Amino acid sequence: MKMQGERAQSIVAGRARQTTSRSSSLFEDPAWEERFDRLIRLVHRTALIIELTGTDIKENRLKSVIDSRLAEMGMQAIRPRGVQPTCGARSFLSARQDRYDATYLMALHFGNRFTDEMSQVDTNLGRALDHALEVYAKYQRDCYPGGQIPRLSFESFVVLIRGIKSHEIGVRTCGECSARYPVPVHRLGIEYCPVCAVQDLKIRDARRVLDARIEAARRERRTAMGLDKPPAQRA
């Protein structure tokens, strides 16, 4: 009876506990099978997978399972070397486009309840991971369709949200566009809104393209009218 109570509690808490049955399933909770397959398409760092899932599967067995399942998907595990990235690293969100993407991911993750949820931690690992996977999938669809590689990895997304919740990453609100955007601790000085910066850059680029097309059309018209020739050669 005690064993059953512990098992029910572990599933409620959302941990990915390994099954002890002789079935082909890896986890006690069937929902974790699909969830796990979605996760390993995005993350191959074993320590992070264990952390996100709360699984009690031993690391060596987990690596073997990941390799096997990825092979079935036609993929190969590429495990990063070294420690996991942190929000305190100077390279984290150092590029303007990275901060723009982080702003979008942050908005998708927190939604309208941004202020209330900043300090809250979802203790149900399954529910928390489901939300993170859905948010990242929408980010991929909206910003990098057609199989393009996103600027921010799923691992960077996890670091971003954790940094905001732990207040290691500040959040500011733009006075111009009202966007909330992240500011890493090493950039706490003057930091311009990445949304305004990127959109303004796009507008300037579009204006340059338009000006170039207008100038090309003018040259073609002058050529057709013979206005590009010396006065003595004109009809």
C-alpha atoms as a PDB file:
ATOM      1  CA  MET A   1       0.000   0.000   0.000  1.00  0.00           C
ATOM      2  CA  LYS A   2       2.830   2.346   0.882  1.00  0.00           C
ATOM      3  CA  MET A   3       4.550   1.531  -2.409  1.00  0.00           C
ATOM      4  CA  GLN A   4       1.396   2.418  -4.368  1.00  0.00           C
ATOM      5  CA  GLY A   5       1.075   5.717  -2.488  1.00  0.00           C
ATOM      6  CA  GLU A   6       4.664   6.657  -3.281  1.00  0.00           C
ATOM      7  CA  ARG A   7       4.157   5.767  -6.960  1.00  0.00           C
ATOM      8  CA  ALA A   8       0.990   7.890  -7.208  1.00  0.00           C
ATOM      9  CA  GLN A   9       2.724  10.810  -5.526  1.00  0.00           C
ATOM     10  CA  SER A  10       5.689  10.625  -7.940  1.00  0.00           C
ATOM     11  CA  ILE A  11       3.363  10.789 -10.958  1.00  0.00           C
ATOM     12  CA  VAL A  12       1.426  13.712  -9.488  1.00  0.00           C
ATOM     13  CA  ALA A  13       4.722  15.506  -8.952  1.00  0.00           C
ATOM     14  CA  GLY A  14       5.482  14.889 -12.602  1.00  0.00           C
ATOM     15  CA  ARG A  15       8.784  13.048 -12.314  1.00  0.00           C
ATOM     16  CA  ALA A  16       9.803  10.715 -15.121  1.00  0.00           C
ATOM     17  CA  ARG A  17      10.275   7.570 -13.065  1.00  0.00           C
ATOM     18  CA  GLN A  18      11.427   4.454 -14.875  1.00  0.00           C
ATOM     19  CA  THR A  19       9.051   1.531 -15.083  1.00  0.00           C
ATOM     20  CA  THR A  20       9.819  -1.774 -13.393  1.00  0.00           C
ATOM     21  CA  SER A  21       7.552  -3.754 -15.712  1.00  0.00           C
ATOM     22  CA  ARG A  22       8.792  -5.919 -18.568  1.00  0.00           C
ATOM     23  CA  SER A  23       6.999  -3.812 -21.187  1.00  0.00           C
ATOM     24  CA  SER A  24       8.790  -1.803 -23.858  1.00  0.00           C
ATOM     25  CA  SER A  25       7.870   1.419 -22.063  1.00  0.00           C
ATOM     26  CA  LEU A  26      10.643   3.319 -20.321  1.00  0.00           C
ATOM     27  CA  PHE A  27       8.546   5.269 -17.808  1.00  0.00           C
ATOM     28  CA  GLU A  28       5.763   4.510 -15.345  1.00  0.00           C
ATOM     29  CA  ASP A  29       3.664   7.397 -16.634  1.00  0.00           C
ATOM     30  CA  PRO A  30       2.844   6.836 -20.356  1.00  0.00           C
ATOM     31  CA  ALA A  31       2.708  10.603 -20.930  1.00  0.00           C
ATOM     32  CA  TRP A  32       6.468  10.726 -20.423  1.00  0.00           C
ATOM     33  CA  GLU A  33       7.179   8.567 -23.465  1.00  0.00           C
ATOM     34  CA  GLU A  34       6.106  11.224 -25.988  1.00  0.00           C
ATOM     35  CA  ARG A  35       7.392  14.046 -23.791  1.00  0.00           C
ATOM     36  CA  PHE A  36      10.817  12.403 -23.573  1.00  0.00           C
ATOM     37  CA  ASP A  37      11.012  11.867 -27.349  1.00  0.00           C
ATOM     38  CA  ARG A  38      10.202  15.546 -27.963  1.00  0.00           C
ATOM     39  CA  LEU A  39      12.823  16.644 -25.453  1.00  0.00           C
ATOM     40  CA  ILE A  40      15.707  14.592 -26.820  1.00  0.00           C
ATOM     41  CA  ARG A  41      15.148  16.074 -30.268  1.00  0.00           C
ATOM     42  CA  LEU A  42      16.173  19.411 -28.739  1.00  0.00           C
ATOM     43  CA  VAL A  43      18.608  18.535 -25.935  1.00  0.00           C
ATOM     44  CA  HIS A  44      21.339  15.911 -25.796  1.00  0.00           C
ATOM     45  CA  ARG A  45      23.069  17.049 -22.595  1.00  0.00           C
ATOM     46  CA  THR A  46      22.300  14.192 -20.217  1.00  0.00           C
ATOM     47  CA  ALA A  47      22.604  16.239 -17.019  1.00  0.00           C
ATOM     48  CA  LEU A  48      20.029  18.755 -18.271  1.00  0.00           C
ATOM     49  CA  ILE A  49      17.632  15.993 -19.354  1.00  0.00           C
ATOM     50  CA  ILE A  50      17.838  14.443 -15.883  1.00  0.00           C
ATOM     51  CA  GLU A  51      17.253  17.837 -14.310  1.00  0.00           C
ATOM     52  CA  LEU A  52      14.242  18.682 -16.489  1.00  0.00           C
ATOM     53  CA  THR A  53      12.615  15.282 -16.120  1.00  0.00           C
ATOM     54  CA  GLY A  54      13.569  14.390 -12.558  1.00  0.00           C
ATOM     55  CA  THR A  55      14.091  10.850 -13.784  1.00  0.00           C
ATOM     56  CA  ASP A  56      15.621   8.170 -11.598  1.00  0.00           C
ATOM     57  CA  ILE A  57      17.122   6.390 -14.591  1.00  0.00           C
ATOM     58  CA  LYS A  58      20.889   5.980 -14.272  1.00  0.00           C
ATOM     59  CA  GLU A  59      22.944   8.262 -16.517  1.00  0.00           C
ATOM     60  CA  ASN A  60      24.652   5.500 -18.492  1.00  0.00           C
ATOM     61  CA  ARG A  61      21.355   3.775 -19.255  1.00  0.00           C
ATOM     62  CA  LEU A  62      19.777   7.111 -20.134  1.00  0.00           C
ATOM     63  CA  LYS A  63      22.544   7.837 -22.644  1.00  0.00           C
ATOM     64  CA  SER A  64      22.031   4.428 -24.217  1.00  0.00           C
ATOM     65  CA  VAL A  65      18.272   4.971 -24.489  1.00  0.00           C
ATOM     66  CA  ILE A  66      18.753   8.454 -25.978  1.00  0.00           C
ATOM     67  CA  ASP A  67      21.211   7.141 -28.570  1.00  0.00           C
ATOM     68  CA  SER A  68      18.862   4.304 -29.498  1.00  0.00           C
ATOM     69  CA  ARG A  69      15.761   6.481 -29.830  1.00  0.00           C
ATOM     70  CA  LEU A  70      17.567   9.156 -31.808  1.00  0.00           C
ATOM     71  CA  ALA A  71      18.881   6.493 -34.167  1.00  0.00           C
ATOM     72  CA  GLU A  72      15.290   5.368 -34.754  1.00  0.00           C
ATOM     73  CA  MET A  73      14.480   8.995 -35.641  1.00  0.00           C
ATOM     74  CA  GLY A  74      17.420   9.169 -38.041  1.00  0.00           C
ATOM     75  CA  MET A  75      19.369  11.436 -35.694  1.00  0.00           C
ATOM     76  CA  GLN A  76      22.603  11.220 -33.740  1.00  0.00           C
ATOM     77  CA  ALA A  77      23.310  12.546 -30.262  1.00  0.00           C
ATOM     78  CA  ILE A  78      25.720  15.488 -30.185  1.00  0.00           C
ATOM     79  CA  ARG A  79      26.575  16.032 -26.530  1.00  0.00           C
ATOM     80  CA  PRO A  80      28.188  19.379 -25.690  1.00  0.00           C
ATOM     81  CA  ARG A  81      31.433  19.300 -23.773  1.00  0.00           C
ATOM     82  CA  GLY A  82      32.017  21.233 -20.584  1.00  0.00           C
ATOM     83  CA  VAL A  83      29.561  22.729 -18.130  1.00  0.00           C
ATOM     84  CA  GLN A  84      26.099  23.973 -18.969  1.00  0.00           C
ATOM     85  CA  PRO A  85      25.850  27.619 -20.092  1.00  0.00           C
ATOM     86  CA  THR A  86      24.833  30.164 -17.484  1.00  0.00           C
ATOM     87  CA  CYS A  87      23.053  33.498 -17.697  1.00  0.00           C
ATOM     88  CA  GLY A  88      26.109  35.130 -16.111  1.00  0.00           C
ATOM     89  CA  ALA A  89      28.378  34.262 -19.038  1.00  0.00           C
ATOM     90  CA  ARG A  90      29.365  37.341 -21.022  1.00  0.00           C
ATOM     91  CA  SER A  91      28.510  35.591 -24.264  1.00  0.00           C
ATOM     92  CA  PHE A  92      24.927  34.934 -23.157  1.00  0.00           C
ATOM     93  CA  LEU A  93      22.534  37.201 -25.098  1.00  0.00           C
ATOM     94  CA  SER A  94      25.488  39.307 -26.226  1.00  0.00           C
ATOM     95  CA  ALA A  95      24.086  39.790 -29.740  1.00  0.00           C
ATOM     96  CA  ARG A  96      21.164  42.131 -30.379  1.00  0.00           C
ATOM     97  CA  GLN A  97      19.266  39.507 -32.392  1.00  0.00           C
ATOM     98  CA  ASP A  98      19.681  37.031 -29.525  1.00  0.00           C
ATOM     99  CA  ARG A  99      18.108  39.547 -27.126  1.00  0.00           C
ATOM    100  CA  TYR A 100      15.286  40.099 -29.634  1.00  0.00           C
ATOM    101  CA  ASP A 101      14.599  36.349 -29.768  1.00  0.00           C
ATOM    102  CA  ALA A 102      14.848  36.125 -25.979  1.00  0.00           C
ATOM    103  CA  THR A 103      12.243  38.878 -25.688  1.00  0.00           C
ATOM    104  CA  TYR A 104       9.842  36.881 -27.843  1.00  0.00           C
ATOM    105  CA  LEU A 105      10.483  33.638 -25.945  1.00  0.00           C
ATOM    106  CA  MET A 106       9.985  35.460 -22.655  1.00  0.00           C
ATOM    107  CA  ALA A 107       6.638  36.873 -23.814  1.00  0.00           C
ATOM    108  CA  LEU A 108       5.483  33.445 -25.003  1.00  0.00           C
ATOM    109  CA  HIS A 109       6.493  31.775 -21.758  1.00  0.00           C
ATOM    110  CA  PHE A 110       5.023  34.225 -19.252  1.00  0.00           C
ATOM    111  CA  GLY A 111       2.150  35.636 -21.316  1.00  0.00           C
ATOM    112  CA  ASN A 112      -0.094  38.260 -19.716  1.00  0.00           C
ATOM    113  CA  ARG A 113       0.624  36.966 -16.224  1.00  0.00           C
ATOM    114  CA  PHE A 114       4.262  37.956 -16.502  1.00  0.00           C
ATOM    115  CA  THR A 115       4.671  39.773 -13.168  1.00  0.00           C
ATOM    116  CA  ASP A 116       2.847  37.105 -11.154  1.00  0.00           C
ATOM    117  CA  GLU A 117       4.715  34.174 -12.644  1.00  0.00           C
ATOM    118  CA  MET A 118       8.238  35.576 -12.557  1.00  0.00           C
ATOM    119  CA  SER A 119       8.970  34.191  -9.095  1.00  0.00           C
ATOM    120  CA  GLN A 120       6.762  31.097  -9.263  1.00  0.00           C
ATOM    121  CA  VAL A 121       8.209  27.651  -9.839  1.00  0.00           C
ATOM    122  CA  ASP A 122       6.006  24.891 -11.216  1.00  0.00           C
ATOM    123  CA  THR A 123       6.673  21.906  -8.978  1.00  0.00           C
ATOM    124  CA  ASN A 124       5.092  19.521 -11.502  1.00  0.00           C
ATOM    125  CA  LEU A 125       7.994  18.696 -13.780  1.00  0.00           C
ATOM    126  CA  GLY A 126       5.830  17.141 -16.477  1.00  0.00           C
ATOM    127  CA  ARG A 127       3.539  20.163 -16.724  1.00  0.00           C
ATOM    128  CA  ALA A 128       6.470  22.587 -16.659  1.00  0.00           C
ATOM    129  CA  LEU A 129       8.277  20.703 -19.424  1.00  0.00           C
ATOM    130  CA  ASP A 130       5.121  20.471 -21.550  1.00  0.00           C
ATOM    131  CA  HIS A 131       4.783  24.254 -21.394  1.00  0.00           C
ATOM    132  CA  ALA A 132       8.454  24.836 -22.231  1.00  0.00           C
ATOM    133  CA  LEU A 133       8.300  22.472 -25.214  1.00  0.00           C
ATOM    134  CA  GLU A 134       5.158  24.157 -26.570  1.00  0.00           C
ATOM    135  CA  VAL A 135       6.662  27.620 -26.178  1.00  0.00           C
ATOM    136  CA  TYR A 136       9.875  26.634 -27.956  1.00  0.00           C
ATOM    137  CA  ALA A 137       7.947  24.891 -30.744  1.00  0.00           C
ATOM    138  CA  LYS A 138       5.947  28.080 -31.381  1.00  0.00           C
ATOM    139  CA  TYR A 139       9.174  30.119 -31.377  1.00  0.00           C
ATOM    140  CA  GLN A 140      10.575  27.784 -34.046  1.00  0.00           C
ATOM    141  CA  ARG A 141       7.412  27.950 -36.167  1.00  0.00           C
ATOM    142  CA  ASP A 142       7.058  31.732 -35.948  1.00  0.00           C
ATOM    143  CA  CYS A 143      10.678  32.828 -36.259  1.00  0.00           C
ATOM    144  CA  TYR A 144      12.485  30.006 -38.045  1.00  0.00           C
ATOM    145  CA  PRO A 145      10.055  28.162 -40.347  1.00  0.00           C
ATOM    146  CA  GLY A 146      11.114  25.594 -42.897  1.00  0.00           C
ATOM    147  CA  GLY A 147      13.700  23.865 -40.742  1.00  0.00           C
ATOM    148  CA  GLN A 148      15.909  26.900 -40.122  1.00  0.00           C
ATOM    149  CA  ILE A 149      18.183  26.667 -37.077  1.00  0.00           C
ATOM    150  CA  PRO A 150      17.021  29.043 -34.300  1.00  0.00           C
ATOM    151  CA  ARG A 151      19.512  31.495 -32.878  1.00  0.00           C
ATOM    152  CA  LEU A 152      18.617  30.434 -29.332  1.00  0.00           C
ATOM    153  CA  SER A 153      18.730  26.751 -28.471  1.00  0.00           C
ATOM    154  CA  PHE A 154      16.255  25.082 -26.150  1.00  0.00           C
ATOM    155  CA  GLU A 155      19.027  24.950 -23.566  1.00  0.00           C
ATOM    156  CA  SER A 156      19.501  28.732 -23.843  1.00  0.00           C
ATOM    157  CA  PHE A 157      15.742  29.149 -23.428  1.00  0.00           C
ATOM    158  CA  VAL A 158      15.882  27.133 -20.191  1.00  0.00           C
ATOM    159  CA  VAL A 159      18.781  29.272 -18.938  1.00  0.00           C
ATOM    160  CA  LEU A 160      16.837  32.442 -19.828  1.00  0.00           C
ATOM    161  CA  ILE A 161      13.709  31.506 -17.876  1.00  0.00           C
ATOM    162  CA  ARG A 162      15.683  30.292 -14.886  1.00  0.00           C
ATOM    163  CA  GLY A 163      17.707  33.495 -14.858  1.00  0.00           C
ATOM    164  CA  ILE A 164      14.561  35.612 -14.856  1.00  0.00           C
ATOM    165  CA  LYS A 165      12.948  33.581 -12.060  1.00  0.00           C
ATOM    166  CA  SER A 166      16.116  33.801  -9.938  1.00  0.00           C
ATOM    167  CA  HIS A 167      16.477  37.533 -10.747  1.00  0.00           C
ATOM    168  CA  GLU A 168      19.906  36.960 -12.267  1.00  0.00           C
ATOM    169  CA  ILE A 169      18.432  38.428 -15.449  1.00  0.00           C
ATOM    170  CA  GLY A 170      16.637  41.729 -15.108  1.00  0.00           C
ATOM    171  CA  VAL A 171      13.494  42.679 -17.005  1.00  0.00           C
ATOM    172  CA  ARG A 172      12.827  46.162 -18.349  1.00  0.00           C
ATOM    173  CA  THR A 173       9.840  47.682 -20.094  1.00  0.00           C
ATOM    174  CA  CYS A 174      10.441  49.825 -23.179  1.00  0.00           C
ATOM    175  CA  GLY A 175       8.936  53.291 -22.949  1.00  0.00           C
ATOM    176  CA  GLU A 176       8.411  53.387 -26.714  1.00  0.00           C
ATOM    177  CA  CYS A 177       6.924  50.009 -27.681  1.00  0.00           C
ATOM    178  CA  SER A 178       6.013  48.700 -24.186  1.00  0.00           C
ATOM    179  CA  ALA A 179       7.867  45.430 -24.817  1.00  0.00           C
ATOM    180  CA  ARG A 180       9.374  43.690 -21.789  1.00  0.00           C
ATOM    181  CA  TYR A 181      12.910  42.600 -22.571  1.00  0.00           C
ATOM    182  CA  PRO A 182      15.642  40.740 -20.648  1.00  0.00           C
ATOM    183  CA  VAL A 183      18.837  42.378 -19.465  1.00  0.00           C
ATOM    184  CA  PRO A 184      21.653  40.056 -18.284  1.00  0.00           C
ATOM    185  CA  VAL A 185      23.535  41.141 -15.166  1.00  0.00           C
ATOM    186  CA  HIS A 186      26.661  41.977 -17.162  1.00  0.00           C
ATOM    187  CA  ARG A 187      24.651  44.465 -19.284  1.00  0.00           C
ATOM    188  CA  LEU A 188      22.892  46.396 -16.529  1.00  0.00           C
ATOM    189  CA  GLY A 189      24.113  49.766 -17.816  1.00  0.00           C
ATOM    190  CA  ILE A 190      22.473  51.500 -20.759  1.00  0.00           C
ATOM    191  CA  GLU A 191      20.637  48.815 -22.678  1.00  0.00           C
ATOM    192  CA  TYR A 192      18.377  49.669 -25.577  1.00  0.00           C
ATOM    193  CA  CYS A 193      15.185  47.792 -26.346  1.00  0.00           C
ATOM    194  CA  PRO A 194      16.049  44.963 -28.770  1.00  0.00           C
ATOM    195  CA  VAL A 195      12.575  45.089 -30.303  1.00  0.00           C
ATOM    196  CA  CYS A 196      12.897  48.754 -31.263  1.00  0.00           C
ATOM    197  CA  ALA A 197      16.510  48.247 -32.354  1.00  0.00           C
ATOM    198  CA  VAL A 198      15.762  45.279 -34.622  1.00  0.00           C
ATOM    199  CA  GLN A 199      12.563  46.766 -36.055  1.00  0.00           C
ATOM    200  CA  ASP A 200      14.315  50.068 -36.725  1.00  0.00           C
ATOM    201  CA  LEU A 201      17.125  48.195 -38.471  1.00  0.00           C
ATOM    202  CA  LYS A 202      14.582  46.354 -40.608  1.00  0.00           C
ATOM    203  CA  ILE A 203      12.922  49.651 -41.524  1.00  0.00           C
ATOM    204  CA  ARG A 204      16.280  51.193 -42.485  1.00  0.00           C
ATOM    205  CA  ASP A 205      17.178  48.106 -44.532  1.00  0.00           C
ATOM    206  CA  ALA A 206      13.804  48.213 -46.286  1.00  0.00           C
ATOM    207  CA  ARG A 207      14.246  51.922 -46.989  1.00  0.00           C
ATOM    208  CA  ARG A 208      17.701  51.297 -48.496  1.00  0.00           C
ATOM    209  CA  VAL A 209      16.288  48.560 -50.738  1.00  0.00           C
ATOM    210  CA  LEU A 210      13.429  50.833 -51.803  1.00  0.00           C
ATOM    211  CA  ASP A 211      15.784  53.746 -52.515  1.00  0.00           C
ATOM    212  CA  ALA A 212      18.030  51.465 -54.591  1.00  0.00           C
ATOM    213  CA  ARG A 213      15.057  50.243 -56.637  1.00  0.00           C
ATOM    214  CA  ILE A 214      13.831  53.795 -57.211  1.00  0.00           C
ATOM    215  CA  GLU A 215      17.291  54.886 -58.328  1.00  0.00           C
ATOM    216  CA  ALA A 216      17.552  51.887 -60.686  1.00  0.00           C
ATOM    217  CA  ALA A 217      14.165  52.749 -62.187  1.00  0.00           C
ATOM    218  CA  ARG A 218      15.272  56.358 -62.685  1.00  0.00           C
ATOM    219  CA  ARG A 219      18.431  55.237 -64.468  1.00  0.00           C
ATOM    220  CA  GLU A 220      16.441  52.944 -66.746  1.00  0.00           C
ATOM    221  CA  ARG A 221      14.055  55.773 -67.579  1.00  0.00           C
ATOM    222  CA  ARG A 222      16.894  58.182 -68.303  1.00  0.00           C
ATOM    223  CA  THR A 223      18.567  55.565 -70.504  1.00  0.00           C
ATOM    224  CA  ALA A 224      15.337  54.936 -72.406  1.00  0.00           C
ATOM    225  CA  MET A 225      14.903  58.680 -72.936  1.00  0.00           C
ATOM    226  CA  GLY A 226      18.553  59.082 -73.935  1.00  0.00           C
ATOM    227  CA  LEU A 227      19.154  61.483 -71.079  1.00  0.00           C
ATOM    228  CA  ASP A 228      22.283  59.618 -69.997  1.00  0.00           C
ATOM    229  CA  LYS A 229      24.095  60.645 -73.209  1.00  0.00           C
ATOM    230  CA  PRO A 230      26.073  63.859 -73.691  1.00  0.00           C
ATOM    231  CA  PRO A 231      23.894  66.706 -75.029  1.00  0.00           C
ATOM    232  CA  ALA A 232      25.617  66.543 -78.444  1.00  0.00           C
ATOM    233  CA  GLN A 233      24.628  62.893 -78.938  1.00  0.00           C
ATOM    234  CA  ARG A 234      20.970  63.293 -78.034  1.00  0.00           C
ATOM    235  CA  ALA A 235      18.451  63.229 -80.901  1.00  0.00           C
END
